[in-house]
Amino acid sequence: MLDFEKPLFEIKNKIESLKESQEKNDVDLQEEIEML
């Protein structure tokens, strides 16, 4: 993984984590996801 790819990878993981939390907890986190 190249240096410039690391932040993108972290953001992608954060988005996936937020989506999972949203589904599990029936919470709307779309605004946070869109900000990323």
C-alpha atoms as a PDB file:
ATOM      1  CA  MET A   1       0.000   0.000   0.000  1.00  0.00           C
ATOM      2  CA  LEU A   2       1.359   3.382  -0.970  1.00  0.00           C
ATOM      3  CA  ASP A   3       1.454   6.279   1.480  1.00  0.00           C
ATOM      4  CA  PHE A   4      -1.305   8.202  -0.295  1.00  0.00           C
ATOM      5  CA  GLU A   5      -3.559   5.141  -0.189  1.00  0.00           C
ATOM      6  CA  LYS A   6      -3.543   4.832   3.603  1.00  0.00           C
ATOM      7  CA  PRO A   7      -5.919   7.741   4.355  1.00  0.00           C
ATOM      8  CA  LEU A   8      -8.280   6.567   1.614  1.00  0.00           C
ATOM      9  CA  PHE A   9      -8.255   3.060   3.043  1.00  0.00           C
ATOM     10  CA  GLU A  10      -8.973   4.414   6.529  1.00  0.00           C
ATOM     11  CA  ILE A  11     -11.869   6.538   5.251  1.00  0.00           C
ATOM     12  CA  LYS A  12     -13.308   3.564   3.395  1.00  0.00           C
ATOM     13  CA  ASN A  13     -13.127   1.460   6.561  1.00  0.00           C
ATOM     14  CA  LYS A  14     -14.752   4.235   8.584  1.00  0.00           C
ATOM     15  CA  ILE A  15     -17.621   4.476   6.082  1.00  0.00           C
ATOM     16  CA  GLU A  16     -18.148   0.708   6.170  1.00  0.00           C
ATOM     17  CA  SER A  17     -18.090   0.748   9.960  1.00  0.00           C
ATOM     18  CA  LEU A  18     -20.666   3.557  10.075  1.00  0.00           C
ATOM     19  CA  LYS A  19     -22.910   1.698   7.646  1.00  0.00           C
ATOM     20  CA  GLU A  20     -22.727  -1.454   9.762  1.00  0.00           C
ATOM     21  CA  SER A  21     -23.513   0.499  12.930  1.00  0.00           C
ATOM     22  CA  GLN A  22     -26.391   2.177  11.160  1.00  0.00           C
ATOM     23  CA  GLU A  23     -27.897  -1.185  10.201  1.00  0.00           C
ATOM     24  CA  LYS A  24     -27.321  -2.858  13.566  1.00  0.00           C
ATOM     25  CA  ASN A  25     -28.615   0.010  15.670  1.00  0.00           C
ATOM     26  CA  ASP A  26     -31.292   1.335  13.323  1.00  0.00           C
ATOM     27  CA  VAL A  27     -29.722   4.792  13.480  1.00  0.00           C
ATOM     28  CA  ASP A  28     -29.442   7.257  10.617  1.00  0.00           C
ATOM     29  CA  LEU A  29     -25.770   8.063  10.155  1.00  0.00           C
ATOM     30  CA  GLN A  30     -26.086   9.104   6.525  1.00  0.00           C
ATOM     31  CA  GLU A  31     -24.966  12.682   7.230  1.00  0.00           C
ATOM     32  CA  GLU A  32     -21.744  11.457   8.832  1.00  0.00           C
ATOM     33  CA  ILE A  33     -21.159   9.028   5.975  1.00  0.00           C
ATOM     34  CA  GLU A  34     -21.681  11.747   3.373  1.00  0.00           C
ATOM     35  CA  MET A  35     -19.231  14.059   5.153  1.00  0.00           C
ATOM     36  CA  LEU A  36     -16.533  11.431   4.658  1.00  0.00           C
END
